[in-house]
Amino acid sequence: MNKKDIAGLRRQLKVDNDLLKISDIFNVYIMKETTDIYHYQSQPFEMLDRDQQELFIKNFKKLLTGQLNEKLFELKFKRESESQLILHKGLLSNGVEDWMNQMLLMTEKMLKDNPYEKDVVITFIKAEYLKPMKKRNDEAEESERDSVYSHPFILCSINNTQESKKELVFDYVEKEFKYNIDVDSVIDLDTPMTGFLFPCFSGGASDVNHVLYSSKKANEPDHRFIDEVLNSEHTITAKEDKEVFEEVMRDVMGDQLNPSTLANVYREINTMVEENEEDEEPKLDYKNVERVFKQSGGEQVDSEKVKAAFERITDNESYELKASSVVPKYKSKSIKIQTKVANISISPQDLEFVRQVNYKGKRCIMIEIEEDAEIEGFKMLPEAFGE
């Protein structure tokens, strides 16, 4: 799944939408510090009050919010994955009883040797996402809503509960102080802990060999959950990929670079990302990285040195970096220029306007600008370079 696929599904997550049909919702309550299921309940989603539906829909949207490879990860199931089989059976189940049994098996995998520190509620929904096909040409009489791709899916959201409210109150009638405690648990649907979507899909095809996993924190996936609950292969985060790329660049091109060269590197990779936005995410092996370095001003880059750097840093010369992880948000991402006097944030595409120069025997940062600079709303007075 690419970011457009995920964004398309998120846009359809709303109540009373004919392109999204949620048939069943299954909630499982787990008591803290135990591995026992305290209570579970399945019911048709349409039987919930509208306010309840809105709360859950909001929760599902938040679960699917975040950057790919930072907070959302498309994972490949391991060979003969038990979880893949359970989820696939649940997806194909006709009766509610069979659906519940499969989801209870997934719940048991989550709880095995892993009690939660707080009471949690695990929510599963069984739904269908209908994605309209694009018309072949503007003259086609058939509306794009007349033909759709059908994507049945299961979504799981795991949420903490808030501790019961304890208060000291004054009873005006009895004229005495009383201790009051609200025994009902409040489910925190605003900040889902983790969860997943099965299967992944792209364009008009579903992919039952992959699952979309949502991490609680960016670049901090729960490897136990990925391995033991989802039975999926290990994933590399965007942060790890970026660190590998920077180490390779330092190893090959040295630790001193002109800002314009660095800007060219980011521009080349960002072009690859934009050109393949509709397709599978582009990857960078050592040959791609060598080409990027050479086209960015490093004409003397040696291919064997790039290959050796990949092998030394990753223990795998065939390692592939995700291009979007190197420059995930090219136009909005800030690069830090760090000095003892000040830290400067600048967009990657503007690095070519930055220079380090010697002025009156001192090193200075010079930034080329087209308009007057402002400090706290005041325009800076221009000064002659020799003054």
Protein backbone atom coordinates (compact mmCIF):
# COMPACT_ATOMS: atom_id res chain seq x y z
CA MET A 1 0.00 0.00 0.00
CA ASN A 2 1.25 3.46 -0.78
CA LYS A 3 0.23 6.67 0.95
CA LYS A 4 -2.53 7.30 -1.63
CA ASP A 5 -4.13 3.91 -0.92
CA ILE A 6 -4.13 4.60 2.82
CA ALA A 7 -5.39 8.17 2.38
CA GLY A 8 -8.17 6.90 0.11
CA LEU A 9 -9.39 4.48 2.77
CA ARG A 10 -9.16 7.10 5.52
CA ARG A 11 -11.31 9.49 3.47
CA GLN A 12 -14.03 6.86 3.27
CA LEU A 13 -14.05 6.23 7.02
CA LYS A 14 -17.23 8.05 7.87
CA VAL A 15 -20.73 7.18 9.02
CA ASP A 16 -23.46 6.68 6.39
CA ASN A 17 -21.04 6.19 3.52
CA ASP A 18 -22.17 3.89 0.72
CA LEU A 19 -18.53 3.17 -0.21
CA LEU A 20 -17.72 1.75 3.23
CA LYS A 21 -19.83 -1.01 4.72
CA ILE A 22 -18.91 -2.10 8.28
CA SER A 23 -20.87 -5.26 9.01
CA ASP A 24 -19.68 -6.36 12.48
CA ILE A 25 -17.81 -4.90 15.42
CA PHE A 26 -16.28 -7.17 18.05
CA ASN A 27 -14.97 -5.74 21.36
CA VAL A 28 -12.85 -7.72 23.81
CA TYR A 29 -12.15 -6.43 27.33
CA ILE A 30 -8.86 -7.47 28.97
CA MET A 31 -8.12 -6.89 32.65
CA LYS A 32 -4.68 -5.49 33.47
CA GLU A 33 -1.84 -7.79 34.53
CA THR A 34 -3.73 -10.87 33.38
CA THR A 35 -3.82 -12.95 30.22
CA ASP A 36 -7.50 -13.74 30.56
CA ILE A 37 -10.37 -12.40 28.48
CA TYR A 38 -12.80 -10.73 30.91
CA HIS A 39 -15.64 -10.05 28.48
CA TYR A 40 -16.37 -9.94 24.74
CA GLN A 41 -19.28 -8.78 22.64
CA SER A 42 -20.08 -8.81 18.93
CA GLN A 43 -22.85 -6.83 17.27
CA PRO A 44 -23.75 -5.31 13.90
CA PHE A 45 -22.06 -1.94 13.55
CA GLU A 46 -25.31 -0.35 12.38
CA MET A 47 -26.91 -1.26 15.72
CA LEU A 48 -24.60 1.15 17.59
CA ASP A 49 -25.84 4.64 18.41
CA ARG A 50 -24.64 7.18 15.88
CA ASP A 51 -22.45 8.85 18.54
CA GLN A 52 -20.78 5.51 19.25
CA GLN A 53 -20.22 4.93 15.54
CA GLU A 54 -18.59 8.35 15.25
CA LEU A 55 -16.25 7.59 18.16
CA PHE A 56 -15.08 4.32 16.65
CA ILE A 57 -14.69 5.80 13.16
CA LYS A 58 -12.53 8.57 14.62
CA ASN A 59 -10.45 5.93 16.38
CA PHE A 60 -9.93 3.97 13.15
CA LYS A 61 -8.86 7.12 11.32
CA LYS A 62 -6.26 7.90 13.96
CA LEU A 63 -4.98 4.33 13.77
CA LEU A 64 -4.33 4.78 10.04
CA THR A 65 -2.70 8.20 10.43
CA GLY A 66 1.05 8.64 10.06
CA GLN A 67 3.90 8.35 7.60
CA LEU A 68 4.70 5.05 5.93
CA ASN A 69 7.78 3.35 7.38
CA GLU A 70 7.60 5.67 10.39
CA LYS A 71 4.27 4.87 12.02
CA LEU A 72 2.58 2.66 9.41
CA PHE A 73 4.37 -0.41 8.09
CA GLU A 74 3.40 -2.81 5.33
CA LEU A 75 4.62 -6.17 6.61
CA LYS A 76 5.04 -9.45 4.77
CA PHE A 77 3.75 -12.54 6.55
CA LYS A 78 6.28 -15.23 7.28
CA ARG A 79 5.97 -18.49 5.42
CA GLU A 80 3.13 -20.63 6.83
CA SER A 81 2.07 -17.78 9.12
CA GLU A 82 -0.61 -18.88 11.60
CA SER A 83 -1.94 -15.31 11.88
CA GLN A 84 -2.36 -15.01 8.12
CA LEU A 85 -4.48 -18.16 8.13
CA ILE A 86 -6.60 -16.98 11.10
CA LEU A 87 -7.24 -13.57 9.55
CA HIS A 88 -8.02 -15.05 6.16
CA LYS A 89 -10.53 -17.45 7.72
CA GLY A 90 -12.09 -14.57 9.63
CA LEU A 91 -12.35 -12.52 6.44
CA LEU A 92 -14.09 -15.36 4.58
CA SER A 93 -16.34 -16.41 7.47
CA ASN A 94 -20.08 -16.29 6.82
CA GLY A 95 -21.47 -16.61 10.34
CA VAL A 96 -20.85 -14.31 13.31
CA GLU A 97 -19.81 -17.24 15.50
CA ASP A 98 -16.99 -18.26 13.17
CA TRP A 99 -15.86 -14.62 12.83
CA MET A 100 -15.75 -14.24 16.63
CA ASN A 101 -13.81 -17.47 17.11
CA GLN A 102 -11.10 -16.40 14.68
CA MET A 103 -10.75 -12.98 16.33
CA LEU A 104 -10.56 -14.63 19.76
CA LEU A 105 -7.64 -16.70 18.43
CA MET A 106 -5.90 -13.46 17.42
CA THR A 107 -6.64 -12.02 20.88
CA GLU A 108 -5.05 -15.05 22.55
CA LYS A 109 -1.91 -14.51 20.48
CA MET A 110 -1.76 -10.91 21.74
CA LEU A 111 -2.12 -12.01 25.38
CA LYS A 112 0.25 -14.97 25.35
CA ASP A 113 2.97 -14.27 27.94
CA ASN A 114 2.23 -10.56 27.61
CA PRO A 115 -0.19 -9.08 30.18
CA TYR A 116 -1.01 -5.39 29.69
CA GLU A 117 -0.21 -2.84 32.39
CA LYS A 118 -3.69 -1.32 32.13
CA ASP A 119 -7.12 -2.63 31.22
CA VAL A 120 -7.38 -2.64 27.43
CA VAL A 121 -10.11 -3.03 24.85
CA ILE A 122 -9.32 -4.79 21.59
CA THR A 123 -11.73 -3.86 18.80
CA PHE A 124 -12.13 -5.77 15.53
CA ILE A 125 -14.32 -4.72 12.63
CA LYS A 126 -15.21 -6.64 9.52
CA ALA A 127 -15.89 -4.31 6.62
CA GLU A 128 -15.85 -3.75 2.88
CA TYR A 129 -14.26 -0.80 1.10
CA LEU A 130 -15.71 -0.08 -2.35
CA LYS A 131 -13.30 1.88 -4.54
CA PRO A 132 -14.76 3.35 -7.77
CA MET A 133 -12.92 2.45 -10.96
CA LYS A 134 -11.58 5.30 -13.06
CA LYS A 135 -13.34 5.91 -16.35
CA ARG A 136 -11.25 4.94 -19.36
CA ASN A 137 -12.00 8.22 -21.11
CA ASP A 138 -14.07 11.35 -20.67
CA GLU A 139 -16.59 10.19 -23.27
CA ALA A 140 -17.52 7.01 -21.41
CA GLU A 141 -21.20 7.00 -20.53
CA GLU A 142 -20.82 4.75 -17.51
CA SER A 143 -20.38 6.61 -14.21
CA GLU A 144 -17.28 5.71 -12.18
CA ARG A 145 -19.62 4.84 -9.30
CA ASP A 146 -21.26 2.12 -11.45
CA SER A 147 -18.13 -0.05 -11.33
CA VAL A 148 -16.11 -0.52 -8.17
CA TYR A 149 -13.27 -2.57 -6.75
CA SER A 150 -14.37 -4.47 -3.66
CA HIS A 151 -11.90 -4.74 -0.77
CA PRO A 152 -13.18 -6.78 2.20
CA PHE A 153 -10.95 -6.16 5.23
CA ILE A 154 -10.48 -6.65 8.95
CA LEU A 155 -9.24 -3.78 11.08
CA CYS A 156 -8.02 -4.19 14.66
CA SER A 157 -7.52 -1.33 17.13
CA ILE A 158 -6.08 -1.78 20.62
CA ASN A 159 -6.91 0.93 23.16
CA ASN A 160 -6.07 1.69 26.77
CA THR A 161 -8.69 2.48 29.37
CA GLN A 162 -8.48 5.46 31.69
CA GLU A 163 -8.38 4.86 35.41
CA SER A 164 -11.58 5.35 37.36
CA LYS A 165 -12.19 8.85 38.66
CA LYS A 166 -11.82 9.20 42.43
CA GLU A 167 -13.29 12.25 44.17
CA LEU A 168 -14.05 13.65 47.60
CA VAL A 169 -17.56 15.16 47.57
CA PHE A 170 -19.73 16.99 50.10
CA ASP A 171 -23.31 15.79 50.63
CA TYR A 172 -25.45 18.87 51.34
CA VAL A 173 -28.38 16.80 52.59
CA GLU A 174 -26.47 14.56 55.01
CA LYS A 175 -23.96 17.33 55.71
CA GLU A 176 -20.94 15.06 55.46
CA PHE A 177 -17.93 14.42 53.29
CA LYS A 178 -18.07 11.29 51.16
CA TYR A 179 -15.61 9.37 49.02
CA ASN A 180 -16.92 8.88 45.50
CA ILE A 181 -15.48 6.61 42.82
CA ASP A 182 -16.74 6.01 39.30
CA VAL A 183 -16.40 2.27 38.75
CA ASP A 184 -17.03 2.40 34.98
CA SER A 185 -13.92 2.25 32.77
CA VAL A 186 -13.50 4.88 30.07
CA ILE A 187 -12.03 3.59 26.81
CA ASP A 188 -9.43 5.99 25.42
CA LEU A 189 -10.38 5.98 21.73
CA ASP A 190 -8.49 9.20 21.05
CA THR A 191 -5.04 7.61 21.18
CA PRO A 192 -5.00 4.01 19.89
CA MET A 193 -2.03 2.02 21.18
CA THR A 194 -1.52 -0.12 18.09
CA GLY A 195 -3.43 -2.18 15.56
CA PHE A 196 -3.46 -3.49 12.01
CA LEU A 197 -5.37 -3.71 8.73
CA PHE A 198 -5.71 -6.98 6.79
CA PRO A 199 -5.29 -7.45 3.91
CA CYS A 200 -3.27 -4.70 2.25
CA PHE A 201 -4.53 -3.48 -1.11
CA SER A 202 -3.26 -1.39 -3.97
CA GLY A 203 -5.31 -0.12 -6.87
CA GLY A 204 -7.86 -2.81 -7.60
CA ALA A 205 -6.14 -5.79 -5.99
CA SER A 206 -6.07 -7.14 -2.44
CA ASP A 207 -2.83 -8.58 -1.10
CA VAL A 208 -3.42 -11.25 1.55
CA ASN A 209 0.34 -11.81 1.90
CA HIS A 210 0.79 -8.43 3.58
CA VAL A 211 -0.69 -6.68 6.61
CA LEU A 212 -0.58 -2.95 7.44
CA TYR A 213 0.70 -2.50 11.00
CA SER A 214 0.26 0.71 13.02
CA SER A 215 2.86 1.51 15.67
CA LYS A 216 2.12 3.51 18.82
CA LYS A 217 5.15 5.76 18.33
CA ALA A 218 6.95 6.82 15.15
CA ASN A 219 10.01 4.71 14.32
CA GLU A 220 9.37 2.46 17.34
CA PRO A 221 7.54 -0.64 16.08
CA ASP A 222 6.78 -3.37 18.61
CA HIS A 223 8.91 -6.22 17.32
CA ARG A 224 7.28 -8.73 19.67
CA PHE A 225 3.86 -7.84 18.25
CA ILE A 226 5.17 -8.05 14.68
CA ASP A 227 6.88 -11.40 15.25
CA GLU A 228 4.62 -13.26 17.67
CA VAL A 229 1.17 -11.75 17.04
CA LEU A 230 1.26 -10.97 13.32
CA ASN A 231 3.89 -13.62 12.43
CA SER A 232 5.41 -11.12 10.03
CA GLU A 233 8.92 -10.35 8.89
CA HIS A 234 11.07 -7.72 10.60
CA THR A 235 10.69 -4.20 9.25
CA ILE A 236 13.20 -1.39 8.78
CA THR A 237 12.04 2.03 9.96
CA ALA A 238 12.49 5.25 8.00
CA LYS A 239 14.87 6.47 10.68
CA GLU A 240 17.08 3.38 10.34
CA ASP A 241 17.11 3.67 6.54
CA LYS A 242 18.06 7.34 6.74
CA GLU A 243 20.89 6.58 9.17
CA VAL A 244 22.22 3.90 6.82
CA PHE A 245 22.08 6.29 3.85
CA GLU A 246 23.87 9.07 5.72
CA GLU A 247 26.58 6.66 6.89
CA VAL A 248 27.08 5.36 3.33
CA MET A 249 27.30 8.94 2.00
CA ARG A 250 29.81 9.85 4.71
CA ASP A 251 31.85 6.74 3.96
CA VAL A 252 31.91 7.36 0.19
CA MET A 253 31.97 11.16 -0.14
CA GLY A 254 33.65 12.13 3.11
CA ASP A 255 32.32 14.11 6.05
CA GLN A 256 32.70 17.46 4.25
CA LEU A 257 30.16 18.35 1.55
CA ASN A 258 29.13 21.48 -0.31
CA PRO A 259 25.49 22.36 0.50
CA SER A 260 24.74 22.41 -3.26
CA THR A 261 25.95 18.80 -3.58
CA LEU A 262 23.74 17.70 -0.70
CA ALA A 263 20.80 19.60 -2.23
CA ASN A 264 21.39 17.78 -5.53
CA VAL A 265 21.41 14.41 -3.76
CA TYR A 266 18.05 15.10 -2.14
CA ARG A 267 16.63 16.48 -5.40
CA GLU A 268 17.63 13.37 -7.35
CA ILE A 269 16.05 11.00 -4.83
CA ASN A 270 12.92 13.12 -4.46
CA THR A 271 12.46 13.01 -8.25
CA MET A 272 12.52 9.20 -8.07
CA VAL A 273 9.85 9.25 -5.34
CA GLU A 274 7.57 11.65 -7.25
CA GLU A 275 7.93 9.78 -10.56
CA ASN A 276 6.90 6.50 -8.88
CA GLU A 277 4.20 7.91 -6.61
CA GLU A 278 1.48 5.81 -8.26
CA ASP A 279 3.54 2.62 -8.35
CA GLU A 280 5.50 0.48 -5.93
CA GLU A 281 7.79 2.44 -3.65
CA PRO A 282 11.22 2.92 -5.29
CA LYS A 283 14.22 1.30 -3.63
CA LEU A 284 17.88 2.33 -3.64
CA ASP A 285 20.51 -0.38 -3.90
CA TYR A 286 24.21 0.45 -4.01
CA LYS A 287 24.08 0.94 -7.81
CA ASN A 288 21.24 3.47 -7.51
CA VAL A 289 23.09 5.30 -4.75
CA GLU A 290 26.25 5.40 -6.87
CA ARG A 291 24.26 6.94 -9.75
CA VAL A 292 22.68 9.53 -7.44
CA PHE A 293 26.07 10.52 -6.01
CA LYS A 294 27.61 10.89 -9.47
CA GLN A 295 24.71 12.93 -10.84
CA SER A 296 24.83 15.17 -7.78
CA GLY A 297 28.41 16.30 -8.26
CA GLY A 298 30.46 13.38 -7.01
CA GLU A 299 31.93 12.42 -10.39
CA GLN A 300 34.87 10.65 -8.75
CA VAL A 301 32.66 8.26 -6.78
CA ASP A 302 33.99 4.73 -7.04
CA SER A 303 31.36 1.99 -7.49
CA GLU A 304 33.36 -0.56 -5.50
CA LYS A 305 33.59 1.89 -2.61
CA VAL A 306 29.80 2.32 -2.57
CA LYS A 307 29.33 -1.45 -2.66
CA ALA A 308 31.85 -1.93 0.16
CA ALA A 309 30.14 0.77 2.25
CA PHE A 310 26.77 -0.98 1.91
CA GLU A 311 28.31 -4.29 2.92
CA ARG A 312 30.19 -2.83 5.89
CA ILE A 313 27.27 -0.83 7.28
CA THR A 314 24.44 -3.31 6.66
CA ASP A 315 26.30 -6.65 6.41
CA ASN A 316 24.47 -7.05 3.10
CA GLU A 317 25.70 -5.62 -0.21
CA SER A 318 22.24 -6.19 -1.73
CA TYR A 319 20.51 -4.06 0.94
CA GLU A 320 17.87 -1.71 -0.49
CA LEU A 321 16.90 1.62 1.05
CA LYS A 322 13.37 2.96 0.71
CA ALA A 323 13.75 6.19 -1.25
CA SER A 324 10.95 7.96 0.62
CA SER A 325 12.67 7.24 3.93
CA VAL A 326 15.72 9.23 2.87
CA VAL A 327 13.65 12.29 1.92
CA PRO A 328 10.15 11.50 3.25
CA LYS A 329 8.79 15.06 2.98
CA TYR A 330 11.11 16.89 0.63
CA LYS A 331 9.26 20.20 0.46
CA SER A 332 8.43 20.51 4.14
CA LYS A 333 11.25 18.66 5.87
CA SER A 334 13.84 20.85 7.55
CA ILE A 335 17.56 20.14 7.58
CA LYS A 336 19.50 21.37 10.57
CA ILE A 337 22.65 23.48 10.14
CA GLN A 338 24.28 23.39 13.55
CA THR A 339 26.77 25.95 14.90
CA LYS A 340 27.75 27.08 18.39
CA VAL A 341 26.18 30.48 17.71
CA ALA A 342 22.86 29.37 16.21
CA ASN A 343 21.00 26.41 14.74
CA ILE A 344 19.44 27.05 11.33
CA SER A 345 16.60 25.05 9.77
CA ILE A 346 16.34 25.04 5.99
CA SER A 347 14.45 23.04 3.36
CA PRO A 348 16.52 20.55 1.32
CA GLN A 349 15.80 22.33 -1.98
CA ASP A 350 17.17 25.59 -0.55
CA LEU A 351 20.56 24.18 0.46
CA GLU A 352 22.07 25.42 -2.81
CA PHE A 353 21.67 29.00 -1.51
CA VAL A 354 23.83 28.31 1.57
CA ARG A 355 27.60 28.79 1.68
CA GLN A 356 30.30 28.64 4.32
CA VAL A 357 32.70 31.53 3.62
CA ASN A 358 35.72 33.17 5.20
CA TYR A 359 35.05 36.81 6.15
CA LYS A 360 37.70 38.89 7.89
CA GLY A 361 39.49 35.72 8.91
CA LYS A 362 36.37 34.14 10.38
CA ARG A 363 34.13 31.36 9.10
CA CYS A 364 30.59 32.54 8.36
CA ILE A 365 27.36 31.06 7.04
CA MET A 366 26.10 33.02 4.03
CA ILE A 367 22.54 32.51 2.74
CA GLU A 368 21.50 33.98 -0.61
CA ILE A 369 18.05 35.61 -0.39
CA GLU A 370 15.77 37.46 -2.81
CA GLU A 371 14.02 39.71 -0.30
CA ASP A 372 14.79 41.56 2.93
CA ALA A 373 15.20 39.28 5.91
CA GLU A 374 13.03 39.87 8.97
CA ILE A 375 13.73 39.51 12.68
CA GLU A 376 10.66 39.57 14.94
CA GLY A 377 8.76 41.53 12.27
CA PHE A 378 11.59 44.05 11.68
CA LYS A 379 13.38 44.18 8.33
CA MET A 380 17.15 43.84 8.55
CA LEU A 381 19.16 46.77 7.20
CA PRO A 382 21.54 45.73 4.38
CA GLU A 383 25.23 46.12 5.12
CA ALA A 384 28.10 46.38 2.67
CA PHE A 385 30.24 43.23 2.65
CA GLY A 386 33.44 45.12 3.41
CA GLU A 387 32.11 47.03 6.43
